[in-house]
Amino acid sequence: MIFIIIGVAIIALHFLGFGPMAAWTWNLGGDLWKFCVPFALAAVWWAWADGTGMTKRREIEKMEQRKRDRREKNLVSLGMDKVAKRARKAGK
């Protein structure tokens, strides 16, 4: 995602006329490659992340964390969480 932000920032700076990006041209033989590099790096990054399974692992980890949080919330609402169990044991 950072590469996309950088690419959009470079294009915005070009059109705003700020910094060295203002002088870059859109010609194939000129500076077009400078505008394209961040987007190409983003495509390479996404291909690598998908190819190694990194994005799927992150998705599964988030889903498992949501399940753990939901289970803990349900146990607390039923009075069956760890704190409630300790309080019941101490009261006996």
N, C-alpha and C. Protein backbone atom coordinates (compact mmCIF):
# COMPACT_ATOMS: atom_id res chain seq x y z
N MET A 1 0.82 -1.19 0.00
CA MET A 1 0.00 0.00 0.00
C MET A 1 0.87 1.26 0.00
N ILE A 2 2.01 1.18 0.68
CA ILE A 2 2.87 2.36 0.75
C ILE A 2 3.38 2.75 -0.63
N PHE A 3 3.64 1.76 -1.50
CA PHE A 3 4.12 2.08 -2.85
C PHE A 3 3.06 2.83 -3.65
N ILE A 4 1.81 2.47 -3.46
CA ILE A 4 0.72 3.18 -4.16
C ILE A 4 0.63 4.62 -3.67
N ILE A 5 0.76 4.82 -2.37
CA ILE A 5 0.71 6.17 -1.81
C ILE A 5 1.86 7.00 -2.34
N ILE A 6 3.06 6.41 -2.41
CA ILE A 6 4.21 7.12 -2.94
C ILE A 6 3.99 7.49 -4.41
N GLY A 7 3.46 6.55 -5.20
CA GLY A 7 3.21 6.82 -6.61
C GLY A 7 2.20 7.93 -6.81
N VAL A 8 1.14 7.90 -6.04
CA VAL A 8 0.12 8.96 -6.15
C VAL A 8 0.70 10.30 -5.70
N ALA A 9 1.54 10.27 -4.66
CA ALA A 9 2.17 11.51 -4.19
C ALA A 9 3.10 12.08 -5.26
N ILE A 10 3.85 11.23 -5.93
CA ILE A 10 4.75 11.71 -6.99
C ILE A 10 3.94 12.36 -8.11
N ILE A 11 2.86 11.73 -8.50
CA ILE A 11 2.02 12.30 -9.57
C ILE A 11 1.39 13.62 -9.12
N ALA A 12 0.93 13.66 -7.87
CA ALA A 12 0.33 14.90 -7.35
C ALA A 12 1.37 16.02 -7.29
N LEU A 13 2.58 15.70 -6.84
CA LEU A 13 3.63 16.72 -6.79
C LEU A 13 3.99 17.21 -8.19
N HIS A 14 3.94 16.31 -9.15
CA HIS A 14 4.21 16.71 -10.54
C HIS A 14 3.18 17.73 -11.02
N PHE A 15 1.92 17.43 -10.79
CA PHE A 15 0.87 18.33 -11.27
C PHE A 15 0.80 19.63 -10.46
N LEU A 16 1.24 19.58 -9.21
CA LEU A 16 1.27 20.79 -8.39
C LEU A 16 2.51 21.64 -8.69
N GLY A 17 3.46 21.06 -9.42
CA GLY A 17 4.66 21.81 -9.78
C GLY A 17 5.64 21.97 -8.64
N PHE A 18 5.71 20.97 -7.79
CA PHE A 18 6.56 21.05 -6.60
C PHE A 18 7.76 20.11 -6.74
N GLY A 19 8.94 20.61 -6.42
CA GLY A 19 10.13 19.78 -6.39
C GLY A 19 10.61 19.36 -7.76
N PRO A 20 11.51 18.39 -7.79
CA PRO A 20 12.05 17.94 -9.07
C PRO A 20 11.02 17.22 -9.93
N MET A 21 9.95 16.72 -9.31
CA MET A 21 8.90 16.03 -10.07
C MET A 21 8.21 16.97 -11.07
N ALA A 22 8.26 18.26 -10.81
CA ALA A 22 7.60 19.22 -11.70
C ALA A 22 8.23 19.24 -13.08
N ALA A 23 9.51 18.92 -13.15
CA ALA A 23 10.21 18.97 -14.44
C ALA A 23 10.18 17.65 -15.18
N TRP A 24 9.66 16.60 -14.56
CA TRP A 24 9.63 15.29 -15.22
C TRP A 24 8.63 15.31 -16.37
N THR A 25 8.93 14.56 -17.41
CA THR A 25 8.05 14.49 -18.58
C THR A 25 7.35 13.14 -18.62
N TRP A 26 6.30 13.07 -19.40
CA TRP A 26 5.54 11.84 -19.55
C TRP A 26 5.96 11.06 -20.79
N ASN A 27 7.05 11.43 -21.42
CA ASN A 27 7.53 10.77 -22.63
C ASN A 27 8.11 9.40 -22.30
N LEU A 28 7.95 8.45 -23.23
CA LEU A 28 8.51 7.11 -23.03
C LEU A 28 10.03 7.16 -22.90
N GLY A 29 10.68 7.99 -23.66
CA GLY A 29 12.13 8.11 -23.59
C GLY A 29 12.60 9.02 -22.49
N GLY A 30 11.68 9.63 -21.79
CA GLY A 30 12.03 10.60 -20.75
C GLY A 30 11.90 10.02 -19.35
N ASP A 31 11.04 10.63 -18.58
CA ASP A 31 10.92 10.31 -17.15
C ASP A 31 9.70 9.48 -16.81
N LEU A 32 9.03 8.91 -17.78
CA LEU A 32 7.83 8.11 -17.52
C LEU A 32 8.12 6.97 -16.54
N TRP A 33 9.28 6.38 -16.64
CA TRP A 33 9.62 5.25 -15.77
C TRP A 33 9.64 5.67 -14.30
N LYS A 34 9.96 6.93 -14.02
CA LYS A 34 9.99 7.40 -12.64
C LYS A 34 8.59 7.43 -12.02
N PHE A 35 7.59 7.68 -12.87
CA PHE A 35 6.22 7.66 -12.39
C PHE A 35 5.73 6.23 -12.19
N CYS A 36 6.24 5.31 -12.99
CA CYS A 36 5.76 3.92 -12.98
C CYS A 36 6.42 3.04 -11.94
N VAL A 37 7.61 3.37 -11.47
CA VAL A 37 8.36 2.51 -10.55
C VAL A 37 7.57 2.17 -9.29
N PRO A 38 6.96 3.13 -8.57
CA PRO A 38 6.24 2.75 -7.35
C PRO A 38 5.09 1.78 -7.61
N PHE A 39 4.40 1.96 -8.73
CA PHE A 39 3.29 1.07 -9.05
C PHE A 39 3.78 -0.32 -9.44
N ALA A 40 4.91 -0.39 -10.12
CA ALA A 40 5.51 -1.69 -10.45
C ALA A 40 5.97 -2.40 -9.17
N LEU A 41 6.56 -1.66 -8.25
CA LEU A 41 6.98 -2.25 -6.97
C LEU A 41 5.78 -2.75 -6.18
N ALA A 42 4.68 -2.03 -6.24
CA ALA A 42 3.45 -2.47 -5.55
C ALA A 42 2.95 -3.78 -6.15
N ALA A 43 2.99 -3.89 -7.47
CA ALA A 43 2.54 -5.12 -8.14
C ALA A 43 3.45 -6.29 -7.76
N VAL A 44 4.75 -6.06 -7.71
CA VAL A 44 5.69 -7.11 -7.30
C VAL A 44 5.44 -7.52 -5.86
N TRP A 45 5.22 -6.54 -5.00
CA TRP A 45 4.96 -6.84 -3.58
C TRP A 45 3.69 -7.68 -3.43
N TRP A 46 2.63 -7.30 -4.09
CA TRP A 46 1.37 -8.04 -3.98
C TRP A 46 1.50 -9.45 -4.54
N ALA A 47 2.23 -9.59 -5.63
CA ALA A 47 2.45 -10.92 -6.20
C ALA A 47 3.23 -11.79 -5.23
N TRP A 48 4.26 -11.21 -4.61
CA TRP A 48 5.05 -11.97 -3.64
C TRP A 48 4.21 -12.33 -2.40
N ALA A 49 3.47 -11.38 -1.89
CA ALA A 49 2.66 -11.61 -0.69
C ALA A 49 1.60 -12.69 -0.94
N ASP A 50 0.98 -12.66 -2.08
CA ASP A 50 -0.02 -13.68 -2.41
C ASP A 50 0.64 -15.03 -2.70
N GLY A 51 1.78 -15.00 -3.34
CA GLY A 51 2.47 -16.24 -3.69
C GLY A 51 3.01 -16.99 -2.48
N THR A 52 3.43 -16.26 -1.47
CA THR A 52 3.95 -16.90 -0.25
C THR A 52 2.86 -17.24 0.75
N GLY A 53 1.65 -16.79 0.52
CA GLY A 53 0.55 -17.08 1.43
C GLY A 53 0.46 -16.11 2.60
N MET A 54 1.23 -15.05 2.57
CA MET A 54 1.27 -14.10 3.68
C MET A 54 -0.11 -13.45 3.90
N THR A 55 -0.78 -13.05 2.84
CA THR A 55 -2.07 -12.38 3.00
C THR A 55 -3.11 -13.34 3.56
N LYS A 56 -3.07 -14.59 3.13
CA LYS A 56 -4.03 -15.58 3.63
C LYS A 56 -3.79 -15.85 5.10
N ARG A 57 -2.52 -15.95 5.51
CA ARG A 57 -2.21 -16.17 6.93
C ARG A 57 -2.71 -15.02 7.78
N ARG A 58 -2.51 -13.79 7.31
CA ARG A 58 -2.99 -12.63 8.06
C ARG A 58 -4.51 -12.65 8.19
N GLU A 59 -5.18 -13.02 7.12
CA GLU A 59 -6.64 -13.10 7.14
C GLU A 59 -7.10 -14.15 8.14
N ILE A 60 -6.45 -15.30 8.15
CA ILE A 60 -6.82 -16.38 9.08
C ILE A 60 -6.54 -15.96 10.52
N GLU A 61 -5.41 -15.28 10.77
CA GLU A 61 -5.09 -14.80 12.11
C GLU A 61 -6.13 -13.81 12.61
N LYS A 62 -6.56 -12.90 11.75
CA LYS A 62 -7.59 -11.94 12.14
C LYS A 62 -8.89 -12.65 12.48
N MET A 63 -9.26 -13.65 11.66
CA MET A 63 -10.49 -14.39 11.90
C MET A 63 -10.42 -15.16 13.22
N GLU A 64 -9.26 -15.78 13.50
CA GLU A 64 -9.10 -16.50 14.75
C GLU A 64 -9.16 -15.56 15.95
N GLN A 65 -8.58 -14.38 15.82
CA GLN A 65 -8.63 -13.41 16.92
C GLN A 65 -10.07 -12.95 17.16
N ARG A 66 -10.82 -12.73 16.09
CA ARG A 66 -12.24 -12.36 16.26
C ARG A 66 -13.01 -13.47 16.97
N LYS A 67 -12.70 -14.73 16.64
CA LYS A 67 -13.37 -15.85 17.30
C LYS A 67 -13.01 -15.89 18.78
N ARG A 68 -11.72 -15.69 19.10
CA ARG A 68 -11.30 -15.68 20.52
C ARG A 68 -11.97 -14.55 21.28
N ASP A 69 -12.02 -13.36 20.67
CA ASP A 69 -12.65 -12.21 21.32
C ASP A 69 -14.14 -12.45 21.54
N ARG A 70 -14.80 -13.01 20.52
CA ARG A 70 -16.24 -13.29 20.64
C ARG A 70 -16.49 -14.32 21.73
N ARG A 71 -15.65 -15.36 21.79
CA ARG A 71 -15.82 -16.39 22.81
C ARG A 71 -15.61 -15.80 24.21
N GLU A 72 -14.58 -14.97 24.37
CA GLU A 72 -14.32 -14.36 25.66
C GLU A 72 -15.47 -13.44 26.07
N LYS A 73 -15.99 -12.68 25.12
CA LYS A 73 -17.13 -11.79 25.41
C LYS A 73 -18.34 -12.61 25.85
N ASN A 74 -18.60 -13.72 25.17
CA ASN A 74 -19.73 -14.56 25.55
C ASN A 74 -19.53 -15.18 26.93
N LEU A 75 -18.31 -15.61 27.24
CA LEU A 75 -18.05 -16.18 28.56
C LEU A 75 -18.24 -15.14 29.66
N VAL A 76 -17.79 -13.93 29.40
CA VAL A 76 -17.97 -12.86 30.39
C VAL A 76 -19.45 -12.57 30.59
N SER A 77 -20.22 -12.51 29.50
CA SER A 77 -21.64 -12.20 29.64
C SER A 77 -22.41 -13.33 30.33
N LEU A 78 -21.90 -14.56 30.25
CA LEU A 78 -22.53 -15.69 30.94
C LEU A 78 -22.00 -15.87 32.36
N GLY A 79 -20.98 -15.08 32.73
CA GLY A 79 -20.40 -15.20 34.06
C GLY A 79 -19.50 -16.41 34.19
N MET A 80 -18.94 -16.86 33.09
CA MET A 80 -18.10 -18.05 33.12
C MET A 80 -16.64 -17.74 32.80
N ASP A 81 -16.25 -16.47 32.89
CA ASP A 81 -14.87 -16.11 32.58
C ASP A 81 -13.96 -16.45 33.76
N LYS A 82 -12.68 -16.27 33.61
CA LYS A 82 -11.69 -16.65 34.62
C LYS A 82 -11.88 -15.88 35.92
N VAL A 83 -12.19 -14.60 35.82
CA VAL A 83 -12.38 -13.79 37.02
C VAL A 83 -13.59 -14.27 37.81
N ALA A 84 -14.67 -14.58 37.13
CA ALA A 84 -15.88 -15.06 37.81
C ALA A 84 -15.64 -16.41 38.46
N LYS A 85 -14.87 -17.27 37.77
CA LYS A 85 -14.57 -18.59 38.36
C LYS A 85 -13.76 -18.44 39.63
N ARG A 86 -12.76 -17.54 39.62
CA ARG A 86 -11.95 -17.33 40.82
C ARG A 86 -12.80 -16.77 41.96
N ALA A 87 -13.73 -15.88 41.63
CA ALA A 87 -14.58 -15.29 42.66
C ALA A 87 -15.49 -16.35 43.26
N ARG A 88 -16.01 -17.25 42.43
CA ARG A 88 -16.87 -18.31 42.96
C ARG A 88 -16.07 -19.26 43.85
N LYS A 89 -14.84 -19.59 43.43
CA LYS A 89 -14.02 -20.48 44.24
C LYS A 89 -13.65 -19.84 45.57
N ALA A 90 -13.37 -18.56 45.55
CA ALA A 90 -13.01 -17.87 46.78
C ALA A 90 -14.20 -17.76 47.71
N GLY A 91 -15.40 -17.70 47.18
CA GLY A 91 -16.61 -17.58 47.98
C GLY A 91 -17.03 -18.89 48.63
N LYS A 92 -16.56 -20.00 48.12
CA LYS A 92 -16.96 -21.30 48.66
C LYS A 92 -16.30 -21.64 49.94
